[in-house]
Amino acid sequence: LGFRVRIVSIYSLLIFANVSTWVWALVEFAHQPVLIGTAVLAYSLGLRHAIDADHIAAIDNVTRKLMQEGKRPVAVGFFFALGHSTVVVLASITVALTANALSDKLASYREIGGIIGTSTSALFLFLIAVANIIVLRGVYRAFRLVERGDRVPEEDIDALLQQRGWLARMFRPLFRFVSRSWHLYPIGLLFALGFETASEISLFGLSAQASNSISNWSLLIFPALFAAGMTLVDTTDGVLMLGAYGWAYRNPMRK
């Protein structure tokens, strides 16, 4: 298929999926405005989660690699998000069902567990922030050197760009085996197993809280909205990187 046809096809699918999921949510929660607000929050968490450093780094690195091989991949972000969404959806359902089954038995421990979980997540996110600031400092220094006219090898620039996101660095060897966009699906699965962000943890909390007032079938709405929003933004990230690197290859400094 042509380049434009592939882009139109994938966005048609994404728009259909997003609209269908919202129609499902509005119909299911028509008489429960509080849960509609919860659905909006779940969707916004998915949109925000898609711009985490690890998502951007993984999609960025694979897009650049495939372009260097003479390909024009439009579905890198799409398949990465699908793999990520698979784990998130299954985990959300498991957390919600477990919370519903044990809500009475573990009521006395709920507050303590919430404090521990929130504190751990916050500490982890601050550590990621420090690591990303160090990478940003290196990128800025390289940019200043090039701006002054000094020669910075293109390999050094690529090495700096590949340092974003701790999961992206951990799984970097796996990227060597990626030769098609769909190969990002299993990598997305691996990334999701980290459950390292506040977005995913918050989604699990929303699902658990709602489990007492809605059916098990309706619980799927929250992770479905999360996945729809995340897939839309991750796919767009991949398409934007495709255009950006096509422009950047003409001048290494543009990277």
Protein backbone atom coordinates (compact mmCIF):
# COMPACT_ATOMS: atom_id res chain seq x y z
CA LEU A 1 0.00 0.00 0.00
CA GLY A 2 1.07 3.58 -0.61
CA PHE A 3 2.39 5.74 2.19
CA ARG A 4 -0.67 8.01 2.34
CA VAL A 5 -3.09 5.11 2.08
CA ARG A 6 -1.45 3.42 5.07
CA ILE A 7 -1.70 6.60 7.15
CA VAL A 8 -5.36 7.13 6.23
CA SER A 9 -6.14 3.49 6.98
CA ILE A 10 -4.51 3.45 10.41
CA TYR A 11 -6.11 6.73 11.48
CA SER A 12 -9.52 5.60 10.26
CA LEU A 13 -9.15 2.55 12.51
CA LEU A 14 -8.02 4.69 15.45
CA ILE A 15 -10.84 7.20 15.09
CA PHE A 16 -13.38 4.38 14.86
CA ALA A 17 -11.94 2.72 17.98
CA ASN A 18 -11.91 5.95 19.99
CA VAL A 19 -15.43 6.98 18.99
CA SER A 20 -16.82 3.46 19.57
CA THR A 21 -15.27 3.26 23.04
CA TRP A 22 -16.73 6.62 24.01
CA VAL A 23 -20.17 5.66 22.70
CA TRP A 24 -19.96 2.51 24.82
CA ALA A 25 -19.00 4.56 27.90
CA LEU A 26 -21.74 7.17 27.42
CA VAL A 27 -24.42 4.53 26.89
CA GLU A 28 -23.29 2.39 29.83
CA PHE A 29 -22.92 5.32 32.25
CA ALA A 30 -25.84 7.42 30.99
CA HIS A 31 -27.42 7.52 34.46
CA GLN A 32 -24.14 7.69 36.40
CA PRO A 33 -22.51 11.09 35.75
CA VAL A 34 -19.76 10.42 38.30
CA LEU A 35 -18.58 7.41 36.28
CA ILE A 36 -18.60 9.50 33.08
CA GLY A 37 -16.18 11.82 34.85
CA THR A 38 -14.10 8.79 35.81
CA ALA A 39 -14.13 7.69 32.17
CA VAL A 40 -12.80 11.12 31.10
CA LEU A 41 -10.01 10.77 33.66
CA ALA A 42 -9.10 7.27 32.41
CA TYR A 43 -8.93 8.56 28.82
CA SER A 44 -6.78 11.54 29.82
CA LEU A 45 -4.41 9.21 31.70
CA GLY A 46 -3.94 7.24 28.47
CA LEU A 47 -3.22 10.40 26.49
CA ARG A 48 -0.65 11.51 29.06
CA HIS A 49 0.94 8.10 29.44
CA ALA A 50 1.74 8.02 25.71
CA ILE A 51 4.20 10.89 26.08
CA ASP A 52 6.30 9.27 28.79
CA ALA A 53 10.02 9.33 28.01
CA ASP A 54 10.19 5.56 27.48
CA HIS A 55 7.36 5.57 24.94
CA ILE A 56 8.90 8.43 22.98
CA ALA A 57 12.38 6.91 23.11
CA ALA A 58 11.26 3.44 21.96
CA ILE A 59 9.15 4.76 19.08
CA ASP A 60 11.82 7.30 18.14
CA ASN A 61 14.67 4.76 18.11
CA VAL A 62 12.80 2.15 16.06
CA THR A 63 11.52 4.72 13.56
CA ARG A 64 15.06 6.00 13.02
CA LYS A 65 16.44 2.45 12.70
CA LEU A 66 13.88 1.40 10.10
CA MET A 67 14.34 4.63 8.14
CA GLN A 68 18.08 3.97 8.02
CA GLU A 69 17.18 0.64 6.39
CA GLY A 70 15.26 2.49 3.67
CA LYS A 71 11.77 1.88 5.08
CA ARG A 72 8.91 4.29 5.84
CA PRO A 73 7.18 2.78 8.89
CA VAL A 74 3.86 4.39 9.82
CA ALA A 75 2.68 1.85 12.42
CA VAL A 76 5.61 1.76 14.87
CA GLY A 77 3.74 3.65 17.58
CA PHE A 78 0.52 1.78 16.83
CA PHE A 79 1.97 -1.69 17.47
CA PHE A 80 3.98 -0.53 20.48
CA ALA A 81 0.80 0.86 22.05
CA LEU A 82 -1.16 -2.30 21.24
CA GLY A 83 1.38 -4.45 23.07
CA HIS A 84 1.42 -2.05 25.99
CA SER A 85 -2.39 -1.90 26.08
CA THR A 86 -2.73 -5.69 26.20
CA VAL A 87 -0.97 -5.89 29.56
CA VAL A 88 -2.63 -2.76 30.95
CA VAL A 89 -6.15 -3.99 30.11
CA LEU A 90 -5.55 -7.44 31.61
CA ALA A 91 -3.91 -5.98 34.73
CA SER A 92 -6.72 -3.47 35.24
CA ILE A 93 -9.34 -6.20 35.11
CA THR A 94 -7.35 -8.38 37.52
CA VAL A 95 -6.85 -5.53 39.99
CA ALA A 96 -10.54 -4.57 39.85
CA LEU A 97 -11.81 -8.12 40.36
CA THR A 98 -9.35 -8.75 43.16
CA ALA A 99 -10.27 -5.51 44.89
CA ASN A 100 -13.95 -6.39 44.64
CA ALA A 101 -13.41 -9.88 46.08
CA LEU A 102 -11.20 -8.73 48.96
CA SER A 103 -12.75 -5.34 49.71
CA ASP A 104 -14.31 -6.49 52.98
CA LYS A 105 -11.45 -8.69 54.19
CA LEU A 106 -8.71 -6.11 53.62
CA ALA A 107 -10.56 -2.90 54.45
CA SER A 108 -8.29 -2.14 57.41
CA TYR A 109 -5.17 -2.33 55.23
CA ARG A 110 -6.48 -0.21 52.33
CA GLU A 111 -5.23 3.13 53.70
CA ILE A 112 -1.76 1.79 54.52
CA GLY A 113 -1.47 0.16 51.10
CA GLY A 114 -2.47 3.41 49.41
CA ILE A 115 0.21 5.38 51.23
CA ILE A 116 2.94 2.84 50.44
CA GLY A 117 1.92 2.56 46.79
CA THR A 118 1.74 6.33 46.25
CA SER A 119 5.07 6.97 48.01
CA THR A 120 6.86 4.27 46.02
CA SER A 121 5.48 5.57 42.72
CA ALA A 122 6.44 9.16 43.53
CA LEU A 123 10.01 8.19 44.49
CA PHE A 124 10.40 6.14 41.32
CA LEU A 125 9.16 9.00 39.14
CA PHE A 126 11.58 11.45 40.76
CA LEU A 127 14.48 9.08 40.04
CA ILE A 128 13.39 8.89 36.39
CA ALA A 129 13.23 12.69 36.31
CA VAL A 130 16.82 13.00 37.56
CA ALA A 131 18.04 10.53 34.91
CA ASN A 132 16.23 12.43 32.16
CA ILE A 133 17.68 15.77 33.33
CA ILE A 134 21.19 14.29 33.01
CA VAL A 135 20.41 13.16 29.45
CA LEU A 136 18.95 16.57 28.60
CA ARG A 137 22.15 18.23 29.84
CA GLY A 138 24.23 16.05 27.52
CA VAL A 139 22.02 16.79 24.51
CA TYR A 140 22.13 20.54 25.21
CA ARG A 141 25.95 20.51 25.50
CA ALA A 142 26.26 18.68 22.18
CA PHE A 143 23.91 21.17 20.55
CA ARG A 144 25.97 24.10 21.83
CA LEU A 145 29.18 22.55 20.47
CA VAL A 146 27.67 22.13 17.02
CA GLU A 147 26.23 25.62 17.16
CA ARG A 148 29.73 27.04 17.77
CA GLY A 149 31.02 25.20 14.73
CA ASP A 150 32.74 22.27 16.49
CA ARG A 151 32.34 18.87 14.88
CA VAL A 152 30.27 16.37 16.85
CA PRO A 153 30.16 12.87 15.27
CA GLU A 154 26.67 11.85 14.24
CA GLU A 155 27.16 8.58 16.14
CA ASP A 156 27.54 10.60 19.37
CA ILE A 157 24.27 12.41 18.69
CA ASP A 158 22.47 9.10 18.10
CA ALA A 159 23.95 7.69 21.33
CA LEU A 160 22.62 10.66 23.29
CA LEU A 161 19.17 10.35 21.75
CA GLN A 162 19.01 6.65 22.64
CA GLN A 163 19.55 7.30 26.37
CA ARG A 164 16.04 8.63 27.00
CA GLY A 165 13.91 6.39 29.18
CA TRP A 166 15.32 3.75 31.52
CA LEU A 167 13.27 0.92 29.99
CA ALA A 168 14.42 1.96 26.52
CA ARG A 169 18.02 1.67 27.71
CA MET A 170 17.39 -1.68 29.40
CA PHE A 171 15.79 -3.25 26.32
CA ARG A 172 18.08 -1.56 23.79
CA PRO A 173 19.57 -4.89 22.55
CA LEU A 174 16.06 -6.03 21.56
CA PHE A 175 15.70 -3.14 19.14
CA ARG A 176 18.40 -4.71 16.95
CA PHE A 177 16.00 -7.52 16.05
CA VAL A 178 13.22 -5.14 14.98
CA SER A 179 12.83 -5.10 11.20
CA ARG A 180 9.06 -4.54 10.89
CA SER A 181 6.62 -2.23 12.65
CA TRP A 182 4.70 -5.17 14.16
CA HIS A 183 7.85 -6.31 15.96
CA LEU A 184 7.12 -3.49 18.43
CA TYR A 185 4.13 -5.43 19.79
CA PRO A 186 6.17 -7.80 22.03
CA ILE A 187 8.44 -4.92 23.06
CA GLY A 188 5.35 -2.98 24.10
CA LEU A 189 4.35 -5.97 26.21
CA LEU A 190 7.70 -5.93 27.98
CA PHE A 191 7.55 -2.19 28.62
CA ALA A 192 4.09 -2.52 30.16
CA LEU A 193 5.31 -5.11 32.66
CA GLY A 194 7.22 -2.35 34.45
CA PHE A 195 4.06 -0.56 35.64
CA GLU A 196 6.40 2.29 36.48
CA THR A 197 4.20 5.33 35.98
CA ALA A 198 1.58 7.08 38.02
CA SER A 199 -0.79 6.90 35.04
CA GLU A 200 -1.02 3.11 35.08
CA ILE A 201 -1.21 2.91 38.85
CA SER A 202 -3.99 5.52 38.86
CA LEU A 203 -5.90 3.53 36.25
CA PHE A 204 -5.73 0.42 38.43
CA GLY A 205 -7.07 2.48 41.32
CA LEU A 206 -9.97 3.82 39.23
CA SER A 207 -10.88 0.31 38.11
CA ALA A 208 -10.72 -1.02 41.65
CA GLN A 209 -12.90 1.77 43.07
CA ALA A 210 -15.51 1.39 40.33
CA SER A 211 -15.69 -2.38 40.74
CA ASN A 212 -18.15 -2.07 43.62
CA SER A 213 -20.79 -0.16 41.63
CA ILE A 214 -20.70 -1.59 38.10
CA SER A 215 -20.67 -4.98 36.41
CA ASN A 216 -17.50 -6.83 35.50
CA TRP A 217 -18.25 -6.24 31.81
CA SER A 218 -18.47 -2.47 32.36
CA LEU A 219 -15.07 -2.48 34.07
CA LEU A 220 -13.53 -2.95 30.63
CA ILE A 221 -14.52 0.61 29.71
CA PHE A 222 -11.79 2.27 31.77
CA PRO A 223 -8.78 0.31 30.43
CA ALA A 224 -10.35 0.46 26.93
CA LEU A 225 -10.48 4.27 27.09
CA PHE A 226 -6.94 4.36 28.48
CA ALA A 227 -5.72 2.15 25.62
CA ALA A 228 -7.62 4.13 22.97
CA GLY A 229 -6.10 7.44 24.06
CA MET A 230 -2.60 6.00 24.43
CA THR A 231 -2.69 4.28 21.03
CA LEU A 232 -3.87 7.45 19.30
CA VAL A 233 -1.00 9.54 20.69
CA ASP A 234 1.68 6.85 20.31
CA THR A 235 0.71 6.32 16.67
CA THR A 236 0.83 10.06 16.06
CA ASP A 237 4.26 10.18 17.73
CA GLY A 238 5.55 7.56 15.28
CA VAL A 239 4.15 9.41 12.26
CA LEU A 240 5.60 12.72 13.46
CA MET A 241 9.02 11.13 14.01
CA LEU A 242 8.85 9.70 10.49
CA GLY A 243 8.46 13.21 9.12
CA ALA A 244 10.96 14.75 11.54
CA TYR A 245 13.78 12.33 10.73
CA GLY A 246 13.13 12.64 7.01
CA TRP A 247 13.81 16.34 7.53
CA ALA A 248 16.70 15.81 9.97
CA TYR A 249 18.74 13.43 7.81
CA ARG A 250 19.71 16.34 5.57
CA ASN A 251 21.58 17.97 8.48
CA PRO A 252 22.74 16.06 11.62
CA MET A 253 22.38 19.17 13.78
CA ARG A 254 18.63 19.10 13.22
CA LYS A 255 18.39 15.90 15.26
